[in-house]
Amino acid sequence: ESGPRSFQVSWAPVLDSVASYQVLYGPLPG
């Protein structure tokens, strides 16, 4: 669902042993 100002990030698998996820993003290069 990529648009000019946003996109969706999804990941797998989802595990019970994970407390939280961190999503880091930044423009390349930069």
Full PDB file with SEQRES, HELIX, SHEET, SSBOND, CRYST1, ORIGX, SCALE, CONECT and MASTER records, all heavy atoms in Angstrom:
SEQRES   1 A   30  GLU SER GLY PRO ARG SER PHE GLN VAL SER TRP ALA PRO          
SEQRES   2 A   30  VAL LEU ASP SER VAL ALA SER TYR GLN VAL LEU TYR GLY          
SEQRES   3 A   30  PRO LEU PRO GLY                                              
CRYST1    1.000    1.000    1.000  90.00  90.00  90.00 P 1           1          
ORIGX1      1.000000  0.000000  0.000000        0.00000                         
ORIGX2      0.000000  1.000000  0.000000        0.00000                         
ORIGX3      0.000000  0.000000  1.000000        0.00000                         
SCALE1      1.000000  0.000000  0.000000        0.00000                         
SCALE2      0.000000  1.000000  0.000000        0.00000                         
SCALE3      0.000000  0.000000  1.000000        0.00000                         
ATOM      1  N   GLU A   1       0.826  -1.216   0.000  1.00  0.00           N  
ATOM      2  CA  GLU A   1       0.000   0.000   0.000  1.00  0.00           C  
ATOM      3  C   GLU A   1       0.853   1.256   0.000  1.00  0.00           C  
ATOM      4  O   GLU A   1       0.643   2.169   0.795  1.00  0.00           O  
ATOM      5  CB  GLU A   1      -0.941  -0.001   1.224  1.00  0.00           C  
ATOM      6  CG  GLU A   1      -1.913  -1.157   1.185  1.00  0.00           C  
ATOM      7  CD  GLU A   1      -2.801  -1.215   2.418  1.00  0.00           C  
ATOM      8  OE1 GLU A   1      -3.129  -0.150   2.969  1.00  0.00           O  
ATOM      9  OE2 GLU A   1      -3.160  -2.329   2.824  1.00  0.00           O  
ATOM     10  N   SER A   2       1.814   1.244  -0.896  1.00  0.00           N  
ATOM     11  CA  SER A   2       2.731   2.370  -0.959  1.00  0.00           C  
ATOM     12  C   SER A   2       2.067   3.552  -1.671  1.00  0.00           C  
ATOM     13  O   SER A   2       1.515   3.396  -2.750  1.00  0.00           O  
ATOM     14  CB  SER A   2       3.981   1.914  -1.713  1.00  0.00           C  
ATOM     15  OG  SER A   2       4.821   2.987  -1.927  1.00  0.00           O  
ATOM     16  N   GLY A   3       2.107   4.727  -1.030  1.00  0.00           N  
ATOM     17  CA  GLY A   3       1.584   5.958  -1.632  1.00  0.00           C  
ATOM     18  C   GLY A   3       2.691   6.991  -1.646  1.00  0.00           C  
ATOM     19  O   GLY A   3       3.836   6.675  -1.319  1.00  0.00           O  
ATOM     20  N   PRO A   4       2.380   8.231  -2.015  1.00  0.00           N  
ATOM     21  CA  PRO A   4       3.436   9.256  -2.023  1.00  0.00           C  
ATOM     22  C   PRO A   4       3.963   9.585  -0.625  1.00  0.00           C  
ATOM     23  O   PRO A   4       5.108   9.976  -0.471  1.00  0.00           O  
ATOM     24  CB  PRO A   4       2.772  10.486  -2.646  1.00  0.00           C  
ATOM     25  CG  PRO A   4       1.344  10.141  -2.892  1.00  0.00           C  
ATOM     26  CD  PRO A   4       1.109   8.706  -2.556  1.00  0.00           C  
ATOM     27  N   ARG A   5       3.114   9.454   0.404  1.00  0.00           N  
ATOM     28  CA  ARG A   5       3.543   9.890   1.726  1.00  0.00           C  
ATOM     29  C   ARG A   5       3.443   8.809   2.799  1.00  0.00           C  
ATOM     30  O   ARG A   5       3.661   9.079   3.976  1.00  0.00           O  
ATOM     31  CB  ARG A   5       2.711  11.107   2.171  1.00  0.00           C  
ATOM     32  CG  ARG A   5       2.909  12.258   1.231  1.00  0.00           C  
ATOM     33  CD  ARG A   5       2.569  13.593   1.835  1.00  0.00           C  
ATOM     34  NE  ARG A   5       3.033  14.648   0.941  1.00  0.00           N  
ATOM     35  CZ  ARG A   5       4.244  15.187   1.015  1.00  0.00           C  
ATOM     36  NH1 ARG A   5       5.093  14.801   1.943  1.00  0.00           N  
ATOM     37  NH2 ARG A   5       4.603  16.116   0.160  1.00  0.00           N  
ATOM     38  N   SER A   6       3.103   7.603   2.403  1.00  0.00           N  
ATOM     39  CA  SER A   6       2.996   6.542   3.420  1.00  0.00           C  
ATOM     40  C   SER A   6       3.161   5.177   2.770  1.00  0.00           C  
ATOM     41  O   SER A   6       3.058   5.041   1.552  1.00  0.00           O  
ATOM     42  CB  SER A   6       1.629   6.605   4.111  1.00  0.00           C  
ATOM     43  OG  SER A   6       0.620   6.252   3.182  1.00  0.00           O  
ATOM     44  N   PHE A   7       3.445   4.180   3.594  1.00  0.00           N  
ATOM     45  CA  PHE A   7       3.366   2.784   3.159  1.00  0.00           C  
ATOM     46  C   PHE A   7       3.111   1.927   4.389  1.00  0.00           C  
ATOM     47  O   PHE A   7       3.272   2.371   5.527  1.00  0.00           O  
ATOM     48  CB  PHE A   7       4.619   2.322   2.394  1.00  0.00           C  
ATOM     49  CG  PHE A   7       5.931   2.606   3.070  1.00  0.00           C  
ATOM     50  CD1 PHE A   7       6.357   1.865   4.163  1.00  0.00           C  
ATOM     51  CD2 PHE A   7       6.757   3.624   2.590  1.00  0.00           C  
ATOM     52  CE1 PHE A   7       7.572   2.126   4.771  1.00  0.00           C  
ATOM     53  CE2 PHE A   7       7.983   3.890   3.200  1.00  0.00           C  
ATOM     54  CZ  PHE A   7       8.391   3.143   4.284  1.00  0.00           C  
ATOM     55  N   GLN A   8       2.672   0.711   4.125  1.00  0.00           N  
ATOM     56  CA  GLN A   8       2.431  -0.227   5.217  1.00  0.00           C  
ATOM     57  C   GLN A   8       3.597  -1.203   5.303  1.00  0.00           C  
ATOM     58  O   GLN A   8       4.107  -1.663   4.282  1.00  0.00           O  
ATOM     59  CB  GLN A   8       1.136  -1.001   4.974  1.00  0.00           C  
ATOM     60  CG  GLN A   8       0.862  -1.962   6.127  1.00  0.00           C  
ATOM     61  CD  GLN A   8      -0.527  -2.567   6.082  1.00  0.00           C  
ATOM     62  OE1 GLN A   8      -1.232  -2.443   5.093  1.00  0.00           O  
ATOM     63  NE2 GLN A   8      -0.906  -3.224   7.150  1.00  0.00           N  
ATOM     64  N   VAL A   9       4.016  -1.491   6.527  1.00  0.00           N  
ATOM     65  CA  VAL A   9       5.074  -2.469   6.770  1.00  0.00           C  
ATOM     66  C   VAL A   9       4.440  -3.625   7.524  1.00  0.00           C  
ATOM     67  O   VAL A   9       3.760  -3.412   8.527  1.00  0.00           O  
ATOM     68  CB  VAL A   9       6.195  -1.875   7.658  1.00  0.00           C  
ATOM     69  CG1 VAL A   9       7.336  -2.862   7.803  1.00  0.00           C  
ATOM     70  CG2 VAL A   9       6.683  -0.551   7.102  1.00  0.00           C  
ATOM     71  N   SER A  10       4.621  -4.854   7.035  1.00  0.00           N  
ATOM     72  CA  SER A  10       4.146  -6.004   7.812  1.00  0.00           C  
ATOM     73  C   SER A  10       5.249  -7.050   7.865  1.00  0.00           C  
ATOM     74  O   SER A  10       6.168  -7.041   7.044  1.00  0.00           O  
ATOM     75  CB  SER A  10       2.854  -6.577   7.234  1.00  0.00           C  
ATOM     76  OG  SER A  10       2.891  -6.604   5.846  1.00  0.00           O  
ATOM     77  N   TRP A  11       5.176  -7.927   8.853  1.00  0.00           N  
ATOM     78  CA  TRP A  11       6.255  -8.897   9.050  1.00  0.00           C  
ATOM     79  C   TRP A  11       5.692 -10.195   9.586  1.00  0.00           C  
ATOM     80  O   TRP A  11       4.575 -10.272  10.075  1.00  0.00           O  
ATOM     81  CB  TRP A  11       7.317  -8.336  10.000  1.00  0.00           C  
ATOM     82  CG  TRP A  11       6.744  -7.855  11.302  1.00  0.00           C  
ATOM     83  CD1 TRP A  11       6.519  -8.579  12.424  1.00  0.00           C  
ATOM     84  CD2 TRP A  11       6.280  -6.519  11.585  1.00  0.00           C  
ATOM     85  NE1 TRP A  11       5.955  -7.788  13.393  1.00  0.00           N  
ATOM     86  CE2 TRP A  11       5.791  -6.530  12.910  1.00  0.00           C  
ATOM     87  CE3 TRP A  11       6.241  -5.330  10.847  1.00  0.00           C  
ATOM     88  CZ2 TRP A  11       5.271  -5.392  13.515  1.00  0.00           C  
ATOM     89  CZ3 TRP A  11       5.707  -4.201  11.448  1.00  0.00           C  
ATOM     90  CH2 TRP A  11       5.236  -4.227  12.770  1.00  0.00           C  
ATOM     91  N   ALA A  12       6.485 -11.228   9.456  1.00  0.00           N  
ATOM     92  CA  ALA A  12       6.117 -12.556   9.939  1.00  0.00           C  
ATOM     93  C   ALA A  12       7.398 -13.238  10.398  1.00  0.00           C  
ATOM     94  O   ALA A  12       8.483 -12.882   9.949  1.00  0.00           O  
ATOM     95  CB  ALA A  12       5.470 -13.344   8.806  1.00  0.00           C  
ATOM     96  N   PRO A  13       7.322 -14.259  11.262  1.00  0.00           N  
ATOM     97  CA  PRO A  13       6.126 -14.690  11.974  1.00  0.00           C  
ATOM     98  C   PRO A  13       5.891 -13.827  13.211  1.00  0.00           C  
ATOM     99  O   PRO A  13       6.777 -13.086  13.607  1.00  0.00           O  
ATOM    100  CB  PRO A  13       6.503 -16.112  12.398  1.00  0.00           C  
ATOM    101  CG  PRO A  13       7.984 -16.037  12.619  1.00  0.00           C  
ATOM    102  CD  PRO A  13       8.502 -15.061  11.587  1.00  0.00           C  
ATOM    103  N   VAL A  14       4.683 -13.941  13.798  1.00  0.00           N  
ATOM    104  CA  VAL A  14       4.407 -13.292  15.077  1.00  0.00           C  
ATOM    105  C   VAL A  14       4.579 -14.361  16.157  1.00  0.00           C  
ATOM    106  O   VAL A  14       4.008 -15.439  16.049  1.00  0.00           O  
ATOM    107  CB  VAL A  14       2.974 -12.726  15.106  1.00  0.00           C  
ATOM    108  CG1 VAL A  14       2.638 -12.209  16.490  1.00  0.00           C  
ATOM    109  CG2 VAL A  14       2.853 -11.603  14.091  1.00  0.00           C  
ATOM    110  N   LEU A  15       5.410 -14.085  17.147  1.00  0.00           N  
ATOM    111  CA  LEU A  15       5.758 -15.098  18.151  1.00  0.00           C  
ATOM    112  C   LEU A  15       5.351 -14.643  19.541  1.00  0.00           C  
ATOM    113  O   LEU A  15       5.458 -13.463  19.868  1.00  0.00           O  
ATOM    114  CB  LEU A  15       7.274 -15.325  18.129  1.00  0.00           C  
ATOM    115  CG  LEU A  15       7.837 -15.789  16.791  1.00  0.00           C  
ATOM    116  CD1 LEU A  15       9.334 -15.608  16.767  1.00  0.00           C  
ATOM    117  CD2 LEU A  15       7.488 -17.243  16.567  1.00  0.00           C  
ATOM    118  N   ASP A  16       4.934 -15.597  20.363  1.00  0.00           N  
ATOM    119  CA  ASP A  16       4.578 -15.281  21.756  1.00  0.00           C  
ATOM    120  C   ASP A  16       5.760 -14.747  22.550  1.00  0.00           C  
ATOM    121  O   ASP A  16       5.592 -14.045  23.536  1.00  0.00           O  
ATOM    122  CB  ASP A  16       4.081 -16.545  22.474  1.00  0.00           C  
ATOM    123  CG  ASP A  16       2.724 -16.957  21.949  1.00  0.00           C  
ATOM    124  OD1 ASP A  16       2.052 -16.108  21.336  1.00  0.00           O  
ATOM    125  OD2 ASP A  16       2.354 -18.122  22.151  1.00  0.00           O  
ATOM    126  N   SER A  17       6.966 -15.134  22.128  1.00  0.00           N  
ATOM    127  CA  SER A  17       8.136 -14.743  22.918  1.00  0.00           C  
ATOM    128  C   SER A  17       8.584 -13.310  22.636  1.00  0.00           C  
ATOM    129  O   SER A  17       9.540 -12.841  23.225  1.00  0.00           O  
ATOM    130  CB  SER A  17       9.285 -15.721  22.643  1.00  0.00           C  
ATOM    131  OG  SER A  17       9.469 -15.871  21.254  1.00  0.00           O  
ATOM    132  N   VAL A  18       7.879 -12.606  21.727  1.00  0.00           N  
ATOM    133  CA  VAL A  18       8.239 -11.220  21.411  1.00  0.00           C  
ATOM    134  C   VAL A  18       7.413 -10.262  22.262  1.00  0.00           C  
ATOM    135  O   VAL A  18       6.187 -10.346  22.299  1.00  0.00           O  
ATOM    136  CB  VAL A  18       8.006 -10.921  19.911  1.00  0.00           C  
ATOM    137  CG1 VAL A  18       8.250  -9.444  19.612  1.00  0.00           C  
ATOM    138  CG2 VAL A  18       8.920 -11.783  19.054  1.00  0.00           C  
ATOM    139  N   ALA A  19       8.090  -9.360  22.967  1.00  0.00           N  
ATOM    140  CA  ALA A  19       7.393  -8.366  23.786  1.00  0.00           C  
ATOM    141  C   ALA A  19       6.914  -7.205  22.922  1.00  0.00           C  
ATOM    142  O   ALA A  19       5.802  -6.722  23.075  1.00  0.00           O  
ATOM    143  CB  ALA A  19       8.330  -7.859  24.882  1.00  0.00           C  
ATOM    144  N   SER A  20       7.769  -6.729  22.021  1.00  0.00           N  
ATOM    145  CA  SER A  20       7.376  -5.625  21.148  1.00  0.00           C  
ATOM    146  C   SER A  20       8.258  -5.616  19.909  1.00  0.00           C  
ATOM    147  O   SER A  20       9.294  -6.301  19.864  1.00  0.00           O  
ATOM    148  CB  SER A  20       7.501  -4.280  21.868  1.00  0.00           C  
ATOM    149  OG  SER A  20       8.850  -4.022  22.185  1.00  0.00           O  
ATOM    150  N   TYR A  21       7.836  -4.858  18.926  1.00  0.00           N  
ATOM    151  CA  TYR A  21       8.621  -4.663  17.716  1.00  0.00           C  
ATOM    152  C   TYR A  21       8.991  -3.194  17.618  1.00  0.00           C  
ATOM    153  O   TYR A  21       8.229  -2.318  18.041  1.00  0.00           O  
ATOM    154  CB  TYR A  21       7.824  -5.049  16.466  1.00  0.00           C  
ATOM    155  CG  TYR A  21       7.510  -6.512  16.380  1.00  0.00           C  
ATOM    156  CD1 TYR A  21       6.296  -7.003  16.844  1.00  0.00           C  
ATOM    157  CD2 TYR A  21       8.426  -7.405  15.836  1.00  0.00           C  
ATOM    158  CE1 TYR A  21       6.004  -8.355  16.770  1.00  0.00           C  
ATOM    159  CE2 TYR A  21       8.138  -8.764  15.757  1.00  0.00           C  
ATOM    160  CZ  TYR A  21       6.928  -9.230  16.229  1.00  0.00           C  
ATOM    161  OH  TYR A  21       6.642 -10.565  16.155  1.00  0.00           O  
ATOM    162  N   GLN A  22      10.151  -2.929  17.041  1.00  0.00           N  
ATOM    163  CA  GLN A  22      10.550  -1.565  16.729  1.00  0.00           C  
ATOM    164  C   GLN A  22      10.669  -1.475  15.224  1.00  0.00           C  
ATOM    165  O   GLN A  22      11.312  -2.321  14.608  1.00  0.00           O  
ATOM    166  CB  GLN A  22      11.923  -1.266  17.315  1.00  0.00           C  
ATOM    167  CG  GLN A  22      11.864  -0.544  18.617  1.00  0.00           C  
ATOM    168  CD  GLN A  22      13.252  -0.175  19.103  1.00  0.00           C  
ATOM    169  OE1 GLN A  22      14.250  -0.459  18.460  1.00  0.00           O  
ATOM    170  NE2 GLN A  22      13.307   0.453  20.260  1.00  0.00           N  
ATOM    171  N   VAL A  23      10.047  -0.463  14.648  1.00  0.00           N  
ATOM    172  CA  VAL A  23      10.184  -0.242  13.214  1.00  0.00           C  
ATOM    173  C   VAL A  23      10.997   1.035  13.035  1.00  0.00           C  
ATOM    174  O   VAL A  23      10.567   2.112  13.454  1.00  0.00           O  
ATOM    175  CB  VAL A  23       8.798  -0.113  12.544  1.00  0.00           C  
ATOM    176  CG1 VAL A  23       8.950   0.135  11.048  1.00  0.00           C  
ATOM    177  CG2 VAL A  23       7.973  -1.374  12.804  1.00  0.00           C  
ATOM    178  N   LEU A  24      12.189   0.889  12.457  1.00  0.00           N  
ATOM    179  CA  LEU A  24      13.044   2.046  12.191  1.00  0.00           C  
ATOM    180  C   LEU A  24      12.979   2.332  10.706  1.00  0.00           C  
ATOM    181  O   LEU A  24      13.048   1.404   9.896  1.00  0.00           O  
ATOM    182  CB  LEU A  24      14.501   1.746  12.561  1.00  0.00           C  
ATOM    183  CG  LEU A  24      14.879   1.807  14.038  1.00  0.00           C  
ATOM    184  CD1 LEU A  24      14.312   0.637  14.785  1.00  0.00           C  
ATOM    185  CD2 LEU A  24      16.376   1.852  14.192  1.00  0.00           C  
ATOM    186  N   TYR A  25      12.853   3.604  10.333  1.00  0.00           N  
ATOM    187  CA  TYR A  25      12.841   3.917   8.907  1.00  0.00           C  
ATOM    188  C   TYR A  25      13.497   5.263   8.669  1.00  0.00           C  
ATOM    189  O   TYR A  25      13.453   6.154   9.526  1.00  0.00           O  
ATOM    190  CB  TYR A  25      11.406   3.905   8.357  1.00  0.00           C  
ATOM    191  CG  TYR A  25      10.469   4.876   9.018  1.00  0.00           C  
ATOM    192  CD1 TYR A  25      10.218   6.132   8.458  1.00  0.00           C  
ATOM    193  CD2 TYR A  25       9.846   4.556  10.223  1.00  0.00           C  
ATOM    194  CE1 TYR A  25       9.365   7.038   9.084  1.00  0.00           C  
ATOM    195  CE2 TYR A  25       8.991   5.460  10.853  1.00  0.00           C  
ATOM    196  CZ  TYR A  25       8.760   6.695  10.280  1.00  0.00           C  
ATOM    197  OH  TYR A  25       7.934   7.595  10.892  1.00  0.00           O  
ATOM    198  N   GLY A  26      14.146   5.381   7.529  1.00  0.00           N  
ATOM    199  CA  GLY A  26      14.795   6.638   7.179  1.00  0.00           C  
ATOM    200  C   GLY A  26      15.100   6.644   5.700  1.00  0.00           C  
ATOM    201  O   GLY A  26      15.244   5.587   5.084  1.00  0.00           O  
ATOM    202  N   PRO A  27      15.181   7.848   5.100  1.00  0.00           N  
ATOM    203  CA  PRO A  27      15.435   7.934   3.665  1.00  0.00           C  
ATOM    204  C   PRO A  27      16.863   7.506   3.321  1.00  0.00           C  
ATOM    205  O   PRO A  27      17.774   7.675   4.127  1.00  0.00           O  
ATOM    206  CB  PRO A  27      15.224   9.425   3.361  1.00  0.00           C  
ATOM    207  CG  PRO A  27      15.398  10.132   4.659  1.00  0.00           C  
ATOM    208  CD  PRO A  27      15.039   9.168   5.737  1.00  0.00           C  
ATOM    209  N   LEU A  28      17.016   6.927   2.137  1.00  0.00           N  
ATOM    210  CA  LEU A  28      18.340   6.582   1.632  1.00  0.00           C  
ATOM    211  C   LEU A  28      18.672   7.542   0.505  1.00  0.00           C  
ATOM    212  O   LEU A  28      17.823   7.789  -0.341  1.00  0.00           O  
ATOM    213  CB  LEU A  28      18.325   5.155   1.054  1.00  0.00           C  
ATOM    214  CG  LEU A  28      18.269   4.006   2.065  1.00  0.00           C  
ATOM    215  CD1 LEU A  28      18.104   2.694   1.331  1.00  0.00           C  
ATOM    216  CD2 LEU A  28      19.516   3.974   2.922  1.00  0.00           C  
ATOM    217  N   PRO A  29      19.885   8.039   0.356  1.00  0.00           N  
ATOM    218  CA  PRO A  29      20.900   7.960   1.417  1.00  0.00           C  
ATOM    219  C   PRO A  29      20.541   8.971   2.496  1.00  0.00           C  
ATOM    220  O   PRO A  29      19.768   9.872   2.244  1.00  0.00           O  
ATOM    221  CB  PRO A  29      22.174   8.367   0.683  1.00  0.00           C  
ATOM    222  CG  PRO A  29      21.697   9.297  -0.399  1.00  0.00           C  
ATOM    223  CD  PRO A  29      20.321   8.817  -0.790  1.00  0.00           C  
ATOM    224  N   GLY A  30      21.115   8.822   3.646  1.00  0.00           N  
ATOM    225  CA  GLY A  30      20.796   9.757   4.725  1.00  0.00           C  
ATOM    226  C   GLY A  30      20.929   9.035   6.041  1.00  0.00           C  
ATOM    227  O   GLY A  30      21.032   7.818   6.087  1.00  0.00           O  
TER     228      GLY A  30                                                      
MASTER        0    0    0    0    0    0    0    6  227    1    0    3          
END                                                                             
